[in-house]
C-alpha atoms as a PDB file:
ATOM      1  CA  MET A   1      38.077 197.404 316.673  1.00  0.00           C
ATOM      2  CA  LEU A   2      37.616 196.985 320.403  1.00  0.00           C
ATOM      3  CA  GLY A   3      38.443 193.608 321.867  1.00  0.00           C
ATOM      4  CA  GLY A   4      39.745 192.204 318.575  1.00  0.00           C
ATOM      5  CA  PRO A   5      43.250 191.223 317.494  1.00  0.00           C
ATOM      6  CA  PRO A   6      45.633 193.860 316.130  1.00  0.00           C
ATOM      7  CA  LEU A   7      45.086 194.605 312.439  1.00  0.00           C
ATOM      8  CA  PHE A   8      48.449 193.194 311.437  1.00  0.00           C
ATOM      9  CA  CYS A   9      47.393 189.824 312.878  1.00  0.00           C
ATOM     10  CA  LEU A  10      44.629 189.727 310.259  1.00  0.00           C
ATOM     11  CA  LEU A  11      47.014 190.031 307.312  1.00  0.00           C
ATOM     12  CA  PRO A  12      47.205 187.005 305.014  1.00  0.00           C
ATOM     13  CA  ASN A  13      50.509 185.177 304.551  1.00  0.00           C
ATOM     14  CA  SER A  14      50.932 186.703 301.101  1.00  0.00           C
ATOM     15  CA  LEU A  15      50.782 190.191 302.596  1.00  0.00           C
ATOM     16  CA  LEU A  16      53.237 189.258 305.332  1.00  0.00           C
ATOM     17  CA  ARG A  17      55.633 188.023 302.659  1.00  0.00           C
ATOM     18  CA  LEU A  18      55.154 191.290 300.797  1.00  0.00           C
ATOM     19  CA  ALA A  19      55.869 193.225 303.990  1.00  0.00           C
ATOM     20  CA  THR A  20      59.096 191.256 304.399  1.00  0.00           C
ATOM     21  CA  GLU A  21      60.121 192.070 300.824  1.00  0.00           C
ATOM     22  CA  LEU A  22      59.299 195.723 301.373  1.00  0.00           C
ATOM     23  CA  ALA A  23      61.342 195.760 304.570  1.00  0.00           C
ATOM     24  CA  MET A  24      64.329 194.206 302.770  1.00  0.00           C
ATOM     25  CA  ALA A  25      63.974 196.753 299.982  1.00  0.00           C
ATOM     26  CA  ARG A  26      63.821 199.518 302.575  1.00  0.00           C
ATOM     27  CA  GLU A  27      67.025 198.305 304.208  1.00  0.00           C
ATOM     28  CA  ASP A  28      68.754 198.265 300.820  1.00  0.00           C
ATOM     29  CA  ALA A  29      67.526 201.760 300.021  1.00  0.00           C
ATOM     30  CA  GLY A  30      68.062 203.113 303.525  1.00  0.00           C
ATOM     31  CA  SER A  31      64.621 204.750 303.605  1.00  0.00           C
ATOM     32  CA  LEU A  32      60.992 203.946 304.376  1.00  0.00           C
ATOM     33  CA  PRO A  33      58.556 203.096 301.578  1.00  0.00           C
ATOM     34  CA  ILE A  34      56.231 206.040 300.982  1.00  0.00           C
ATOM     35  CA  LEU A  35      52.502 205.815 300.307  1.00  0.00           C
ATOM     36  CA  LYS A  36      50.621 208.768 298.856  1.00  0.00           C
ATOM     37  CA  LEU A  37      47.102 209.291 300.222  1.00  0.00           C
ATOM     38  CA  LEU A  38      44.575 211.994 299.336  1.00  0.00           C
ATOM     39  CA  LEU A  39      41.650 213.336 301.347  1.00  0.00           C
ATOM     40  CA  VAL A  40      38.854 214.602 299.098  1.00  0.00           C
ATOM     41  CA  GLY A  41      35.267 215.722 299.561  1.00  0.00           C
ATOM     42  CA  ASP A  42      33.141 218.838 299.846  1.00  0.00           C
ATOM     43  CA  SER A  43      34.224 221.817 301.913  1.00  0.00           C
ATOM     44  CA  GLY A  44      33.408 221.575 305.615  1.00  0.00           C
ATOM     45  CA  VAL A  45      33.087 217.791 305.879  1.00  0.00           C
ATOM     46  CA  GLY A  46      36.051 217.565 308.263  1.00  0.00           C
ATOM     47  CA  LYS A  47      38.941 216.449 306.057  1.00  0.00           C
ATOM     48  CA  SER A  48      41.436 218.725 307.789  1.00  0.00           C
ATOM     49  CA  SER A  49      40.144 217.676 311.208  1.00  0.00           C
ATOM     50  CA  LEU A  50      40.609 214.001 310.311  1.00  0.00           C
ATOM     51  CA  LEU A  51      44.154 214.721 309.127  1.00  0.00           C
ATOM     52  CA  LEU A  52      45.006 216.724 312.246  1.00  0.00           C
ATOM     53  CA  ARG A  53      43.569 214.036 314.518  1.00  0.00           C
ATOM     54  CA  PHE A  54      45.464 211.262 312.740  1.00  0.00           C
ATOM     55  CA  THR A  55      48.839 212.999 312.429  1.00  0.00           C
ATOM     56  CA  GLU A  56      48.955 215.028 315.649  1.00  0.00           C
ATOM     57  CA  ASP A  57      46.144 213.579 317.785  1.00  0.00           C
ATOM     58  CA  GLN A  58      44.583 217.033 318.095  1.00  0.00           C
ATOM     59  CA  PHE A  59      41.182 218.519 317.373  1.00  0.00           C
ATOM     60  CA  GLU A  60      40.464 222.161 316.600  1.00  0.00           C
ATOM     61  CA  PRO A  61      36.734 222.976 316.492  1.00  0.00           C
ATOM     62  CA  TYR A  62      37.175 226.031 314.263  1.00  0.00           C
ATOM     63  CA  LEU A  63      39.713 225.165 311.582  1.00  0.00           C
ATOM     64  CA  ASN A  64      39.878 227.547 308.639  1.00  0.00           C
ATOM     65  CA  PRO A  65      38.980 226.053 305.234  1.00  0.00           C
ATOM     66  CA  THR A  66      41.932 224.580 303.355  1.00  0.00           C
ATOM     67  CA  ILE A  67      43.302 226.926 300.699  1.00  0.00           C
ATOM     68  CA  GLY A  68      44.455 224.835 297.743  1.00  0.00           C
ATOM     69  CA  VAL A  69      46.072 221.869 299.491  1.00  0.00           C
ATOM     70  CA  ASP A  70      47.673 220.976 302.792  1.00  0.00           C
ATOM     71  CA  PHE A  71      50.252 218.260 303.300  1.00  0.00           C
ATOM     72  CA  LYS A  72      51.438 216.164 306.231  1.00  0.00           C
ATOM     73  CA  VAL A  73      53.764 213.203 306.683  1.00  0.00           C
ATOM     74  CA  LYS A  74      53.030 210.423 309.153  1.00  0.00           C
ATOM     75  CA  LYS A  75      54.940 207.260 309.961  1.00  0.00           C
ATOM     76  CA  MET A  76      52.754 204.198 310.516  1.00  0.00           C
ATOM     77  CA  VAL A  77      53.835 200.802 311.809  1.00  0.00           C
ATOM     78  CA  LEU A  78      51.821 197.677 310.964  1.00  0.00           C
ATOM     79  CA  GLY A  79      53.201 194.951 313.164  1.00  0.00           C
ATOM     80  CA  ASP A  80      56.968 195.423 312.840  1.00  0.00           C
ATOM     81  CA  PHE A  81      56.711 196.924 309.370  1.00  0.00           C
ATOM     82  CA  PRO A  82      56.928 200.743 309.102  1.00  0.00           C
ATOM     83  CA  VAL A  83      55.745 202.847 306.184  1.00  0.00           C
ATOM     84  CA  GLN A  84      55.670 206.591 305.691  1.00  0.00           C
ATOM     85  CA  LEU A  85      52.415 208.219 304.606  1.00  0.00           C
ATOM     86  CA  ALA A  86      52.411 211.381 302.534  1.00  0.00           C
ATOM     87  CA  ILE A  87      48.867 212.687 303.047  1.00  0.00           C
ATOM     88  CA  TRP A  88      47.409 215.471 300.903  1.00  0.00           C
ATOM     89  CA  ASP A  89      44.384 217.393 302.168  1.00  0.00           C
ATOM     90  CA  THR A  90      42.617 218.980 299.200  1.00  0.00           C
ATOM     91  CA  ALA A  91      40.264 221.957 299.285  1.00  0.00           C
ATOM     92  CA  GLY A  92      36.616 221.162 298.688  1.00  0.00           C
ATOM     93  CA  GLN A  93      35.574 224.567 297.369  1.00  0.00           C
ATOM     94  CA  GLU A  94      34.655 224.696 293.681  1.00  0.00           C
ATOM     95  CA  ARG A  95      37.144 227.499 293.000  1.00  0.00           C
ATOM     96  CA  PHE A  96      40.048 225.205 293.895  1.00  0.00           C
ATOM     97  CA  ARG A  97      38.877 222.163 291.937  1.00  0.00           C
ATOM     98  CA  THR A  98      41.125 223.017 288.983  1.00  0.00           C
ATOM     99  CA  LEU A  99      44.135 222.532 291.290  1.00  0.00           C
ATOM    100  CA  THR A 100      43.083 219.070 292.404  1.00  0.00           C
ATOM    101  CA  PRO A 101      43.882 216.879 289.343  1.00  0.00           C
ATOM    102  CA  SER A 102      47.635 217.457 289.554  1.00  0.00           C
ATOM    103  CA  TYR A 103      47.628 216.148 293.116  1.00  0.00           C
ATOM    104  CA  TYR A 104      45.931 212.894 292.123  1.00  0.00           C
ATOM    105  CA  ARG A 105      49.022 211.838 290.167  1.00  0.00           C
ATOM    106  CA  GLY A 106      50.713 208.847 291.800  1.00  0.00           C
ATOM    107  CA  ALA A 107      48.123 208.501 294.574  1.00  0.00           C
ATOM    108  CA  GLN A 108      47.727 204.977 295.906  1.00  0.00           C
ATOM    109  CA  GLY A 109      44.859 205.672 298.290  1.00  0.00           C
ATOM    110  CA  ILE A 110      41.900 208.077 298.245  1.00  0.00           C
ATOM    111  CA  ILE A 111      39.839 208.858 301.352  1.00  0.00           C
ATOM    112  CA  LEU A 112      36.501 210.305 300.228  1.00  0.00           C
ATOM    113  CA  VAL A 113      34.775 212.150 303.081  1.00  0.00           C
ATOM    114  CA  TYR A 114      31.200 213.315 303.604  1.00  0.00           C
ATOM    115  CA  ASP A 115      29.421 214.873 306.588  1.00  0.00           C
ATOM    116  CA  VAL A 116      26.681 212.623 308.009  1.00  0.00           C
ATOM    117  CA  THR A 117      24.809 215.755 309.180  1.00  0.00           C
ATOM    118  CA  LYS A 118      24.689 217.334 305.701  1.00  0.00           C
ATOM    119  CA  ARG A 119      22.970 215.308 303.005  1.00  0.00           C
ATOM    120  CA  GLU A 120      24.237 217.591 300.251  1.00  0.00           C
ATOM    121  CA  THR A 121      27.805 216.423 300.949  1.00  0.00           C
ATOM    122  CA  PHE A 122      26.637 212.825 300.496  1.00  0.00           C
ATOM    123  CA  ALA A 123      24.815 213.736 297.283  1.00  0.00           C
ATOM    124  CA  GLY A 124      28.040 215.297 295.980  1.00  0.00           C
ATOM    125  CA  LEU A 125      29.951 212.018 296.193  1.00  0.00           C
ATOM    126  CA  GLU A 126      28.984 211.009 292.647  1.00  0.00           C
ATOM    127  CA  CYS A 127      30.759 214.077 291.256  1.00  0.00           C
ATOM    128  CA  TRP A 128      33.878 213.288 293.230  1.00  0.00           C
ATOM    129  CA  LEU A 129      33.851 209.706 291.976  1.00  0.00           C
ATOM    130  CA  GLN A 130      33.581 210.928 288.383  1.00  0.00           C
ATOM    131  CA  GLU A 131      36.669 213.037 288.990  1.00  0.00           C
ATOM    132  CA  LEU A 132      38.503 210.085 290.516  1.00  0.00           C
ATOM    133  CA  ASP A 133      37.645 207.941 287.506  1.00  0.00           C
ATOM    134  CA  VAL A 134      39.286 210.518 285.246  1.00  0.00           C
ATOM    135  CA  PHE A 135      42.422 211.311 287.224  1.00  0.00           C
ATOM    136  CA  THR A 136      43.349 208.147 289.161  1.00  0.00           C
ATOM    137  CA  LYS A 137      44.322 204.581 288.322  1.00  0.00           C
ATOM    138  CA  LYS A 138      41.634 201.908 288.380  1.00  0.00           C
ATOM    139  CA  SER A 139      43.609 200.075 291.053  1.00  0.00           C
ATOM    140  CA  VAL A 140      43.701 203.010 293.492  1.00  0.00           C
ATOM    141  CA  VAL A 141      42.299 202.106 296.919  1.00  0.00           C
ATOM    142  CA  LYS A 142      39.208 204.128 297.858  1.00  0.00           C
ATOM    143  CA  MET A 143      37.795 204.536 301.342  1.00  0.00           C
ATOM    144  CA  LEU A 144      34.420 206.214 301.973  1.00  0.00           C
ATOM    145  CA  VAL A 145      34.282 207.997 305.336  1.00  0.00           C
ATOM    146  CA  GLY A 146      31.120 209.338 306.957  1.00  0.00           C
ATOM    147  CA  ASN A 147      32.428 211.930 309.418  1.00  0.00           C
ATOM    148  CA  LYS A 148      30.931 213.791 312.418  1.00  0.00           C
ATOM    149  CA  ILE A 149      29.021 210.884 313.915  1.00  0.00           C
ATOM    150  CA  ASP A 150      29.292 212.623 317.287  1.00  0.00           C
ATOM    151  CA  GLU A 151      26.679 215.166 316.116  1.00  0.00           C
ATOM    152  CA  THR A 152      23.023 214.515 316.939  1.00  0.00           C
ATOM    153  CA  ASP A 153      21.430 215.959 313.779  1.00  0.00           C
ATOM    154  CA  ARG A 154      22.328 213.095 311.433  1.00  0.00           C
ATOM    155  CA  GLU A 155      20.854 213.269 307.923  1.00  0.00           C
ATOM    156  CA  VAL A 156      22.620 210.314 306.290  1.00  0.00           C
ATOM    157  CA  ASP A 157      22.024 206.889 307.790  1.00  0.00           C
ATOM    158  CA  ARG A 158      24.967 204.532 308.162  1.00  0.00           C
ATOM    159  CA  LYS A 159      23.273 201.953 305.958  1.00  0.00           C
ATOM    160  CA  GLU A 160      23.086 204.494 303.101  1.00  0.00           C
ATOM    161  CA  GLY A 161      26.809 205.089 303.307  1.00  0.00           C
ATOM    162  CA  LEU A 162      27.510 201.373 303.401  1.00  0.00           C
ATOM    163  CA  GLN A 163      25.340 200.673 300.365  1.00  0.00           C
ATOM    164  CA  PHE A 164      26.981 203.504 298.413  1.00  0.00           C
ATOM    165  CA  ALA A 165      30.440 202.158 299.281  1.00  0.00           C
ATOM    166  CA  GLN A 166      29.500 198.627 298.231  1.00  0.00           C
ATOM    167  CA  LYS A 167      28.023 199.900 294.971  1.00  0.00           C
ATOM    168  CA  HIS A 168      31.300 201.607 294.092  1.00  0.00           C
ATOM    169  CA  SER A 169      33.671 198.949 295.521  1.00  0.00           C
ATOM    170  CA  MET A 170      35.005 201.149 298.301  1.00  0.00           C
ATOM    171  CA  LEU A 171      36.019 200.503 301.873  1.00  0.00           C
ATOM    172  CA  PHE A 172      33.681 202.149 304.363  1.00  0.00           C
ATOM    173  CA  ILE A 173      33.799 203.463 307.899  1.00  0.00           C
ATOM    174  CA  GLU A 174      32.145 206.173 309.972  1.00  0.00           C
ATOM    175  CA  THR A 175      34.291 208.470 312.097  1.00  0.00           C
ATOM    176  CA  SER A 176      34.380 211.326 314.562  1.00  0.00           C
ATOM    177  CA  ALA A 177      37.490 213.483 314.359  1.00  0.00           C
ATOM    178  CA  LYS A 178      36.304 215.201 317.523  1.00  0.00           C
ATOM    179  CA  MET A 179      35.969 212.002 319.574  1.00  0.00           C
ATOM    180  CA  LYS A 180      38.744 210.050 317.745  1.00  0.00           C
ATOM    181  CA  ASP A 181      36.285 207.321 316.759  1.00  0.00           C
ATOM    182  CA  GLY A 182      37.430 205.304 313.757  1.00  0.00           C
ATOM    183  CA  VAL A 183      40.074 207.784 312.555  1.00  0.00           C
ATOM    184  CA  GLU A 184      43.200 205.682 312.961  1.00  0.00           C
ATOM    185  CA  THR A 185      41.373 202.562 311.801  1.00  0.00           C
ATOM    186  CA  ALA A 186      40.339 204.326 308.588  1.00  0.00           C
ATOM    187  CA  PHE A 187      43.939 205.082 307.641  1.00  0.00           C
ATOM    188  CA  GLU A 188      45.160 201.642 308.718  1.00  0.00           C
ATOM    189  CA  GLU A 189      42.550 199.912 306.554  1.00  0.00           C
ATOM    190  CA  VAL A 190      43.547 201.977 303.521  1.00  0.00           C
ATOM    191  CA  VAL A 191      47.236 201.158 303.998  1.00  0.00           C
ATOM    192  CA  ILE A 192      46.543 197.441 304.431  1.00  0.00           C
ATOM    193  CA  LYS A 193      44.401 197.391 301.279  1.00  0.00           C
ATOM    194  CA  ILE A 194      47.136 199.193 299.319  1.00  0.00           C
ATOM    195  CA  LEU A 195      49.643 196.564 300.385  1.00  0.00           C
ATOM    196  CA  GLN A 196      47.168 193.897 299.288  1.00  0.00           C
ATOM    197  CA  THR A 197      46.985 195.423 295.795  1.00  0.00           C
ATOM    198  CA  PRO A 198      49.952 194.198 293.702  1.00  0.00           C
ATOM    199  CA  GLU A 199      49.083 196.627 290.882  1.00  0.00           C
ATOM    200  CA  LEU A 200      50.309 199.484 293.058  1.00  0.00           C
ATOM    201  CA  TRP A 201      53.697 197.981 293.884  1.00  0.00           C
ATOM    202  CA  ASN A 202      56.905 197.030 292.135  1.00  0.00           C
ATOM    203  CA  ILE A 203      59.596 195.656 294.440  1.00  0.00           C
ATOM    204  CA  ARG A 204      63.134 196.284 293.229  1.00  0.00           C
ATOM    205  CA  ASN A 205      66.553 196.215 294.789  1.00  0.00           C
ATOM    206  CA  GLU A 206      66.667 199.988 295.001  1.00  0.00           C
ATOM    207  CA  GLY A 207      63.456 200.187 297.002  1.00  0.00           C
ATOM    208  CA  VAL A 208      59.724 200.511 296.421  1.00  0.00           C
ATOM    209  CA  VAL A 209      58.281 202.349 293.451  1.00  0.00           C
ATOM    210  CA  LEU A 210      54.782 202.771 292.076  1.00  0.00           C
ATOM    211  CA  ALA A 211      54.162 200.161 289.390  1.00  0.00           C
ATOM    212  CA  PRO A 212      52.461 200.944 286.057  1.00  0.00           C
ATOM    213  CA  GLU A 213      48.773 200.160 285.939  1.00  0.00           C
ATOM    214  CA  SER A 214      48.245 196.627 284.692  1.00  0.00           C
ATOM    215  CA  ARG A 215      44.810 195.267 285.506  1.00  0.00           C
ATOM    216  CA  ALA A 216      41.773 196.123 287.600  1.00  0.00           C
ATOM    217  CA  PRO A 217      41.940 194.900 291.214  1.00  0.00           C
ATOM    218  CA  ASN A 218      39.820 192.118 292.578  1.00  0.00           C
ATOM    219  CA  THR A 219      37.054 194.043 294.326  1.00  0.00           C
ATOM    220  CA  ALA A 220      35.199 191.084 295.761  1.00  0.00           C
ATOM    221  CA  ASP A 221      36.403 192.046 299.243  1.00  0.00           C
ATOM    222  CA  ALA A 222      36.343 195.784 298.613  1.00  0.00           C
ATOM    223  CA  CYS A 223      34.461 196.522 301.830  1.00  0.00           C
ATOM    224  CA  SER A 224      36.337 195.974 305.062  1.00  0.00           C
ATOM    225  CA  GLY A 225      34.958 194.471 308.232  1.00  0.00           C
ATOM    226  CA  HIS A 226      33.546 197.912 309.017  1.00  0.00           C
ATOM    227  CA  CYS A 227      31.015 197.486 306.217  1.00  0.00           C
ATOM    228  CA  SER A 228      28.742 195.411 308.410  1.00  0.00           C
ATOM    229  CA  VAL A 229      25.299 196.976 308.871  1.00  0.00           C
ATOM    230  CA  ALA A 230      24.885 195.303 312.274  1.00  0.00           C
END
């Protein structure tokens, strides 16, 4: 968000208090709290490129398709509060879909990716959401990402992506892994929303653990500031 305040400055007081509690728990446990994020979507939409850009600030134009799953760890600091992200990159090919459900277990954030230059990847989002409904908690944070906005042959308008995200109570942003546009912001927004979702957290003296599912989250503000159609 060019010209705006840092994201951590936008956090409400309740979230800042939660961050303080998490930090105290981390000091007691001697380790960083860990968030589990998953990247899902059809093959070729750029999930691996987004992960590589975010974790290593690199872009490879000819990445091989993910076989099964890939996994990377990334430390993120929001203000003075660090967390560790365990990010799973799942294969989009149909032949690997039977492997995917086991990796959903314990996920706190899902980043659902489509390619803005391939309408069929946007049309396939409904199937992915059906899978998420089966294998994830109702309180899991979902971010819809329209990738490859640097390409000129767009087939999915930004407004379509926004409306789909609003319909399904998801955060929304468009990105370019190649040009770095929106990539870090996408992950930051997911992490902030997770920390704003009490259903996903249980603060104890020994550290931070995933809490049992209790109630559906308040989705009134499900879309972030990036959901504006302006």
